[in-house]
Amino acid sequence: MSRSAVATRDDSESPLISVVIPIRNEGRYIADTLTQLLSQQYPPNRVEFLVCDGRSDDQTREIVREIANSDARVKLIDNPGRRSSVGRNLGFRASSGDLVLVIDGHVQIPDDRLLDAVADLFARSGADCLGRPQPLIAAPNSPWADAIVAARSSWLGHNPNSMIYSDAECFAPAATIGAAYRPSVFARVGYVDEGFDACEDLEFNTRLDLAGLRCFTSPRLTVRYFARDTLTALFKQQYRYGYGRFKYLSRYPSKGTVAQLAPPGLVAATCWALASPWLPLPIAALPLVGLSLYLAVVAIAAGQLAGRTSGRGFARCLLVFVTIHYAVGCGYWKAFGNWRNWRSRRER
């Protein structure tokens, strides 16, 4: 079925699309996100927007409620669990659509044909799930966000197995890109694991792959995410990713790679180096050599990106790389410590 056919067919032939939007404290972006969704060139009576708010303590809830009062397609759902994983499940269970699409609250949608593309690609591919590129963009006048976007999109700034920066249109593993689903998927693999506070989509989509379900990805589904714009916000985000990554790998150890273990290794080497004054010289020197090599690699990567950022590009990119790697590593070790404590209590 062609894209134009989807756009011109009778409304009753268009699949009902449920857009699930799990959010918390997105007051800065949620109005624009909803405006872009409500402006989609798709039959208005064939779409619903389920905003699952994790009890925001900024103005998010009031903004969504005001928009919902003026457009009945928008429904505000309370998420007492606060986590995105809980919000996703609330939206999935409340959805009445033939297709279900997940959109976060801090995104930019490049055009008004996203929902059209969702319907078309499901029909054309016959897939159970659709994936999408999810590149980062910087908020205006935000030099730190410029550096974060540049670093995160580079070879040293994100999981090398991820396809979120790919422009390929093909069948591909759902793990890193799955974002739209046929409802039959939930009957097949269940819902999102609400024990995850990050990487919940990765874990859920991995189950799709293990169940043999098919995922199709296309640049027509691209959604751009606004990057964090301070090192503090970036550290908190990446710490959560590191925590979630350990939980994910403890469940699927075969999915682990050397690259994924590098950040916790970096943190361990740093702790080792800090203890070096009390260690014999040969043993104390090992982590210092490793850290020196790490800083050299990061400096090279930052130098490659310096021209793509505004002002003090090299220094900003260097600090962004270090923040990403140490935050992920610290989150990983925190999750490991909690897991060990849980195992100890269970064995008593």
Protein backbone atom coordinates (compact mmCIF):
# COMPACT_ATOMS: atom_id res chain seq x y z
CA MET A 1 0.00 0.00 0.00
CA SER A 2 1.45 3.36 -1.02
CA ARG A 3 1.87 6.35 1.24
CA SER A 4 -0.56 8.40 -0.86
CA ALA A 5 -3.14 5.65 -0.62
CA VAL A 6 -3.06 5.84 3.17
CA ALA A 7 -3.47 9.60 3.05
CA THR A 8 -6.48 9.56 0.72
CA ARG A 9 -8.44 6.47 1.70
CA ASP A 10 -11.74 6.63 3.57
CA ASP A 11 -11.39 7.32 7.31
CA SER A 12 -13.04 4.02 8.21
CA GLU A 13 -10.24 2.15 6.40
CA SER A 14 -7.49 3.84 8.41
CA PRO A 15 -6.26 1.84 11.42
CA LEU A 16 -6.94 3.39 14.78
CA ILE A 17 -3.60 4.48 16.24
CA SER A 18 -3.08 4.81 19.99
CA VAL A 19 -0.17 7.13 20.80
CA VAL A 20 1.18 6.38 24.28
CA ILE A 21 3.14 9.27 25.85
CA PRO A 22 4.80 8.35 29.18
CA ILE A 23 6.06 11.55 30.84
CA ARG A 24 7.20 13.15 34.06
CA ASN A 25 8.25 16.80 34.48
CA GLU A 26 8.16 17.64 30.77
CA GLY A 27 6.70 21.13 31.20
CA ARG A 28 9.39 22.60 28.99
CA TYR A 29 8.48 20.51 25.93
CA ILE A 30 5.12 18.76 26.29
CA ALA A 31 2.98 21.52 24.76
CA ASP A 32 5.06 21.55 21.57
CA THR A 33 5.11 17.74 21.41
CA LEU A 34 1.33 17.50 21.69
CA THR A 35 0.83 20.34 19.22
CA GLN A 36 2.93 18.48 16.65
CA LEU A 37 0.98 15.28 17.24
CA LEU A 38 -2.40 16.98 17.05
CA SER A 39 -1.35 18.59 13.76
CA GLN A 40 -0.64 15.27 12.05
CA GLN A 41 -2.25 14.75 8.63
CA TYR A 42 -4.11 11.64 9.70
CA PRO A 43 -7.88 11.13 10.08
CA PRO A 44 -8.57 12.84 13.42
CA ASN A 45 -11.20 10.30 14.42
CA ARG A 46 -8.69 7.46 13.99
CA VAL A 47 -6.14 8.47 16.62
CA GLU A 48 -6.02 8.84 20.40
CA PHE A 49 -3.28 10.33 22.56
CA LEU A 50 -2.78 8.72 25.97
CA VAL A 51 -0.59 10.94 28.14
CA CYS A 52 0.57 8.93 31.17
CA ASP A 53 1.91 11.43 33.67
CA GLY A 54 4.14 10.18 36.50
CA ARG A 55 2.81 12.74 38.99
CA SER A 56 4.90 15.62 37.69
CA ASP A 57 5.81 18.32 40.18
CA ASP A 58 6.22 21.04 37.54
CA GLN A 59 3.54 22.50 35.25
CA THR A 60 3.34 19.42 32.99
CA ARG A 61 0.03 18.14 34.30
CA GLU A 62 -1.72 21.49 34.02
CA ILE A 63 -0.49 21.95 30.44
CA VAL A 64 -1.75 18.51 29.40
CA ARG A 65 -5.09 18.98 31.17
CA GLU A 66 -5.65 22.29 29.37
CA ILE A 67 -4.91 20.73 25.99
CA ALA A 68 -7.14 17.74 26.80
CA ASN A 69 -10.01 20.08 27.66
CA SER A 70 -9.83 21.54 24.15
CA ASP A 71 -9.26 18.27 22.24
CA ALA A 72 -11.05 15.08 23.28
CA ARG A 73 -8.44 12.93 21.56
CA VAL A 74 -6.01 13.73 24.38
CA LYS A 75 -6.53 11.71 27.56
CA LEU A 76 -4.55 12.34 30.76
CA ILE A 77 -3.80 9.13 32.70
CA ASP A 78 -2.39 9.25 36.22
CA ASN A 79 0.78 7.20 36.73
CA PRO A 80 1.24 6.72 40.49
CA GLY A 81 4.33 4.57 39.86
CA ARG A 82 6.07 7.58 38.25
CA ARG A 83 8.43 5.42 36.21
CA SER A 84 8.28 5.41 32.42
CA SER A 85 7.93 1.62 32.50
CA VAL A 86 4.72 1.92 34.53
CA GLY A 87 3.48 4.72 32.28
CA ARG A 88 4.02 2.64 29.16
CA ASN A 89 2.00 -0.22 30.61
CA LEU A 90 -0.84 2.06 31.67
CA GLY A 91 -0.98 3.42 28.14
CA PHE A 92 -0.73 0.00 26.50
CA ARG A 93 -3.56 -1.39 28.63
CA ALA A 94 -5.78 1.67 28.09
CA SER A 95 -5.20 1.75 24.33
CA SER A 96 -7.99 0.78 21.98
CA GLY A 97 -5.99 1.12 18.77
CA ASP A 98 -5.20 -1.31 16.00
CA LEU A 99 -1.63 -0.01 16.31
CA VAL A 100 0.23 1.44 19.31
CA LEU A 101 2.98 4.05 19.01
CA VAL A 102 5.19 5.29 21.88
CA ILE A 103 6.30 8.93 21.85
CA ASP A 104 8.27 10.63 24.64
CA GLY A 105 7.42 14.10 25.88
CA HIS A 106 10.61 15.92 24.79
CA VAL A 107 10.76 15.31 21.05
CA GLN A 108 10.58 17.10 17.75
CA ILE A 109 8.59 15.39 14.99
CA PRO A 110 10.12 16.36 11.62
CA ASP A 111 6.89 16.40 9.59
CA ASP A 112 3.12 15.95 9.81
CA ARG A 113 3.10 12.50 8.17
CA LEU A 114 4.45 10.40 11.04
CA LEU A 115 1.15 8.65 11.79
CA ASP A 116 0.56 8.18 8.08
CA ALA A 117 3.96 6.49 7.85
CA VAL A 118 3.20 4.24 10.84
CA ALA A 119 0.03 2.94 9.19
CA ASP A 120 1.67 2.58 5.79
CA LEU A 121 4.79 0.75 7.02
CA PHE A 122 2.85 -1.71 9.15
CA ALA A 123 0.63 -2.52 6.16
CA ARG A 124 3.51 -2.72 3.69
CA SER A 125 5.96 -4.70 5.83
CA GLY A 126 3.58 -6.97 7.73
CA ALA A 127 5.90 -6.51 10.72
CA ASP A 128 4.87 -6.95 14.34
CA CYS A 129 6.86 -3.91 15.42
CA LEU A 130 8.28 -0.76 13.84
CA GLY A 131 11.61 0.81 14.75
CA ARG A 132 12.85 4.33 14.14
CA PRO A 133 15.94 6.52 14.14
CA GLN A 134 16.08 8.66 17.29
CA PRO A 135 18.82 11.29 16.74
CA LEU A 136 19.43 14.02 19.29
CA ILE A 137 19.01 17.74 18.72
CA ALA A 138 20.07 20.68 20.86
CA ALA A 139 17.74 23.29 22.28
CA PRO A 140 18.47 26.78 20.86
CA ASN A 141 21.36 28.74 22.40
CA SER A 142 22.61 25.81 24.44
CA PRO A 143 26.36 25.24 23.92
CA TRP A 144 26.46 22.31 26.33
CA ALA A 145 23.60 20.66 24.44
CA ASP A 146 25.55 21.19 21.18
CA ALA A 147 28.49 19.32 22.68
CA ILE A 148 26.25 16.60 24.10
CA VAL A 149 24.58 16.05 20.71
CA ALA A 150 27.95 15.84 18.98
CA ALA A 151 29.43 13.46 21.55
CA ARG A 152 26.40 11.19 21.88
CA SER A 153 26.20 10.71 18.10
CA SER A 154 29.90 9.87 17.79
CA TRP A 155 31.56 6.45 17.86
CA LEU A 156 32.60 6.98 21.48
CA GLY A 157 29.35 8.38 22.81
CA HIS A 158 26.71 5.67 22.42
CA ASN A 159 26.26 1.91 22.38
CA PRO A 160 27.89 0.71 19.14
CA ASN A 161 25.16 -1.93 18.75
CA SER A 162 22.40 0.69 18.73
CA MET A 163 20.60 1.58 15.49
CA ILE A 164 19.12 4.86 16.71
CA TYR A 165 21.31 6.82 14.30
CA SER A 166 20.76 4.54 11.32
CA ASP A 167 18.89 5.72 8.23
CA ALA A 168 18.37 2.22 6.85
CA GLU A 169 14.93 1.00 5.79
CA CYS A 170 14.92 -2.73 6.45
CA PHE A 171 14.00 -5.49 8.84
CA ALA A 172 16.22 -5.25 11.91
CA PRO A 173 16.37 -6.36 15.56
CA ALA A 174 13.84 -4.49 17.68
CA ALA A 175 16.08 -4.23 20.76
CA THR A 176 17.39 -0.67 20.36
CA ILE A 177 14.78 0.84 18.04
CA GLY A 178 11.32 -0.69 18.64
CA ALA A 179 8.68 1.99 19.21
CA ALA A 180 5.38 0.93 17.57
CA TYR A 181 3.52 -2.33 18.05
CA ARG A 182 0.56 -4.40 17.00
CA PRO A 183 -1.52 -5.21 20.14
CA SER A 184 -0.90 -8.92 19.47
CA VAL A 185 2.68 -8.30 20.64
CA PHE A 186 1.51 -7.81 24.23
CA ALA A 187 -0.37 -11.10 24.19
CA ARG A 188 2.76 -12.79 22.89
CA VAL A 189 5.51 -11.35 25.12
CA GLY A 190 3.66 -9.57 27.93
CA TYR A 191 4.12 -5.97 29.02
CA VAL A 192 7.06 -3.81 30.08
CA ASP A 193 8.92 -4.91 33.21
CA GLU A 194 8.03 -2.23 35.76
CA GLY A 195 11.11 -3.06 37.81
CA PHE A 196 13.15 -1.11 35.24
CA ASP A 197 13.56 2.65 35.65
CA ALA A 198 15.71 2.87 32.52
CA CYS A 199 16.39 0.49 29.62
CA GLU A 200 12.80 -0.76 30.02
CA ASP A 201 12.27 -0.40 26.28
CA LEU A 202 15.49 -2.29 25.55
CA GLU A 203 14.42 -5.18 27.78
CA PHE A 204 10.89 -5.26 26.33
CA ASN A 205 12.10 -5.14 22.74
CA THR A 206 14.67 -7.86 23.41
CA ARG A 207 11.78 -10.14 24.32
CA LEU A 208 10.26 -9.41 20.92
CA ASP A 209 13.48 -10.49 19.23
CA LEU A 210 13.74 -13.65 21.32
CA ALA A 211 10.13 -14.51 20.48
CA GLY A 212 10.94 -14.32 16.78
CA LEU A 213 8.73 -11.29 16.12
CA ARG A 214 9.68 -9.07 13.19
CA CYS A 215 10.67 -5.41 13.38
CA PHE A 216 10.88 -3.05 10.41
CA THR A 217 12.69 0.28 10.65
CA SER A 218 12.52 3.33 8.40
CA PRO A 219 13.80 6.92 8.42
CA ARG A 220 10.20 7.96 7.71
CA LEU A 221 9.55 7.30 11.40
CA THR A 222 12.38 9.52 12.64
CA VAL A 223 11.71 11.35 15.91
CA ARG A 224 14.34 13.76 17.22
CA TYR A 225 14.98 13.92 20.95
CA PHE A 226 16.08 17.09 22.73
CA ALA A 227 19.41 16.45 24.42
CA ARG A 228 20.14 17.31 28.04
CA ASP A 229 21.67 20.77 28.23
CA THR A 230 23.83 20.60 31.37
CA LEU A 231 26.46 18.18 32.60
CA THR A 232 24.42 17.58 35.76
CA ALA A 233 21.33 16.58 33.78
CA LEU A 234 23.47 14.42 31.50
CA PHE A 235 25.09 12.65 34.46
CA LYS A 236 21.70 11.84 36.00
CA GLN A 237 20.40 10.48 32.70
CA GLN A 238 23.47 8.34 32.01
CA TYR A 239 23.61 7.10 35.62
CA ARG A 240 20.07 5.77 35.18
CA TYR A 241 21.13 4.15 31.90
CA GLY A 242 24.08 2.47 33.61
CA TYR A 243 21.83 1.19 36.38
CA GLY A 244 19.33 -0.15 33.87
CA ARG A 245 22.10 -1.64 31.73
CA PHE A 246 23.35 -3.80 34.61
CA LYS A 247 19.82 -5.06 35.31
CA TYR A 248 19.42 -5.82 31.61
CA LEU A 249 22.72 -7.69 31.33
CA SER A 250 22.06 -9.64 34.53
CA ARG A 251 18.95 -10.98 32.79
CA TYR A 252 20.51 -11.40 29.33
CA PRO A 253 24.24 -12.00 29.94
CA SER A 254 24.75 -13.17 26.37
CA LYS A 255 23.96 -9.63 25.19
CA GLY A 256 26.99 -8.19 26.97
CA THR A 257 29.91 -6.78 24.99
CA VAL A 258 33.36 -5.45 25.84
CA ALA A 259 32.19 -1.93 24.96
CA GLN A 260 29.33 -2.15 27.48
CA LEU A 261 31.74 -3.21 30.23
CA ALA A 262 34.18 -0.37 29.52
CA PRO A 263 32.43 2.31 31.68
CA PRO A 264 32.31 0.17 34.86
CA GLY A 265 35.89 -0.82 34.09
CA LEU A 266 36.83 2.85 33.91
CA VAL A 267 35.31 3.53 37.32
CA ALA A 268 37.08 0.50 38.80
CA ALA A 269 40.42 1.63 37.33
CA THR A 270 39.94 5.10 38.81
CA CYS A 271 39.23 3.69 42.27
CA TRP A 272 42.29 1.47 41.88
CA ALA A 273 44.41 4.49 40.93
CA LEU A 274 43.18 6.43 43.95
CA ALA A 275 44.36 3.57 46.15
CA SER A 276 47.77 3.42 44.43
CA PRO A 277 49.73 5.25 47.18
CA TRP A 278 49.14 2.21 49.38
CA LEU A 279 49.96 -0.40 46.75
CA PRO A 280 53.26 -1.79 45.42
CA LEU A 281 54.54 0.15 42.42
CA PRO A 282 53.92 -2.43 39.63
CA ILE A 283 50.35 -2.97 40.79
CA ALA A 284 49.74 0.75 41.29
CA ALA A 285 50.97 1.60 37.80
CA LEU A 286 48.52 -0.61 35.89
CA PRO A 287 45.39 1.56 36.27
CA LEU A 288 47.40 4.72 35.61
CA VAL A 289 48.48 3.34 32.26
CA GLY A 290 44.89 2.42 31.43
CA LEU A 291 43.57 5.84 32.45
CA SER A 292 46.24 7.58 30.41
CA LEU A 293 45.21 5.61 27.33
CA TYR A 294 41.55 6.41 28.02
CA LEU A 295 42.25 10.15 28.23
CA ALA A 296 44.24 9.99 25.01
CA VAL A 297 41.36 8.30 23.16
CA VAL A 298 38.82 10.77 24.57
CA ALA A 299 41.05 13.70 23.61
CA ILE A 300 41.28 12.42 20.04
CA ALA A 301 37.49 11.96 19.84
CA ALA A 302 36.87 15.42 21.32
CA GLY A 303 39.29 16.97 18.83
CA GLN A 304 37.41 15.35 15.96
CA LEU A 305 34.16 16.94 17.16
CA ALA A 306 35.43 20.36 18.24
CA GLY A 307 34.49 22.05 14.97
CA ARG A 308 30.86 20.87 15.21
CA THR A 309 30.13 22.72 18.46
CA SER A 310 29.91 26.36 19.43
CA GLY A 311 32.75 27.91 21.47
CA ARG A 312 35.19 25.94 23.63
CA GLY A 313 34.21 22.88 21.60
CA PHE A 314 37.17 20.69 22.52
CA ALA A 315 36.88 21.23 26.28
CA ARG A 316 33.10 20.78 26.27
CA CYS A 317 33.21 17.57 24.24
CA LEU A 318 36.00 16.20 26.44
CA LEU A 319 33.96 16.83 29.59
CA VAL A 320 30.82 15.38 27.99
CA PHE A 321 32.60 12.13 27.12
CA VAL A 322 34.01 11.82 30.63
CA THR A 323 30.59 12.57 32.15
CA ILE A 324 28.87 9.93 30.00
CA HIS A 325 31.37 7.20 30.74
CA TYR A 326 31.71 7.81 34.47
CA ALA A 327 27.94 8.22 34.95
CA VAL A 328 27.19 4.95 33.17
CA GLY A 329 29.93 3.20 35.13
CA CYS A 330 28.73 4.54 38.48
CA GLY A 331 25.15 3.53 37.73
CA TYR A 332 26.35 0.06 36.76
CA TRP A 333 28.26 -0.42 40.03
CA LYS A 334 25.35 0.93 42.07
CA ALA A 335 23.04 -1.65 40.47
CA PHE A 336 25.65 -4.35 41.05
CA GLY A 337 25.84 -3.46 44.75
CA ASN A 338 22.07 -3.54 45.11
CA TRP A 339 21.94 -6.90 43.32
CA ARG A 340 24.60 -8.36 45.63
CA ASN A 341 22.69 -7.12 48.68
CA TRP A 342 19.48 -8.63 47.32
CA ARG A 343 21.22 -11.96 46.68
CA SER A 344 22.69 -11.96 50.20
CA ARG A 345 19.31 -11.32 51.82
CA ARG A 346 17.70 -14.01 49.69
CA GLU A 347 20.33 -16.61 50.64
CA ARG A 348 19.95 -16.04 54.41
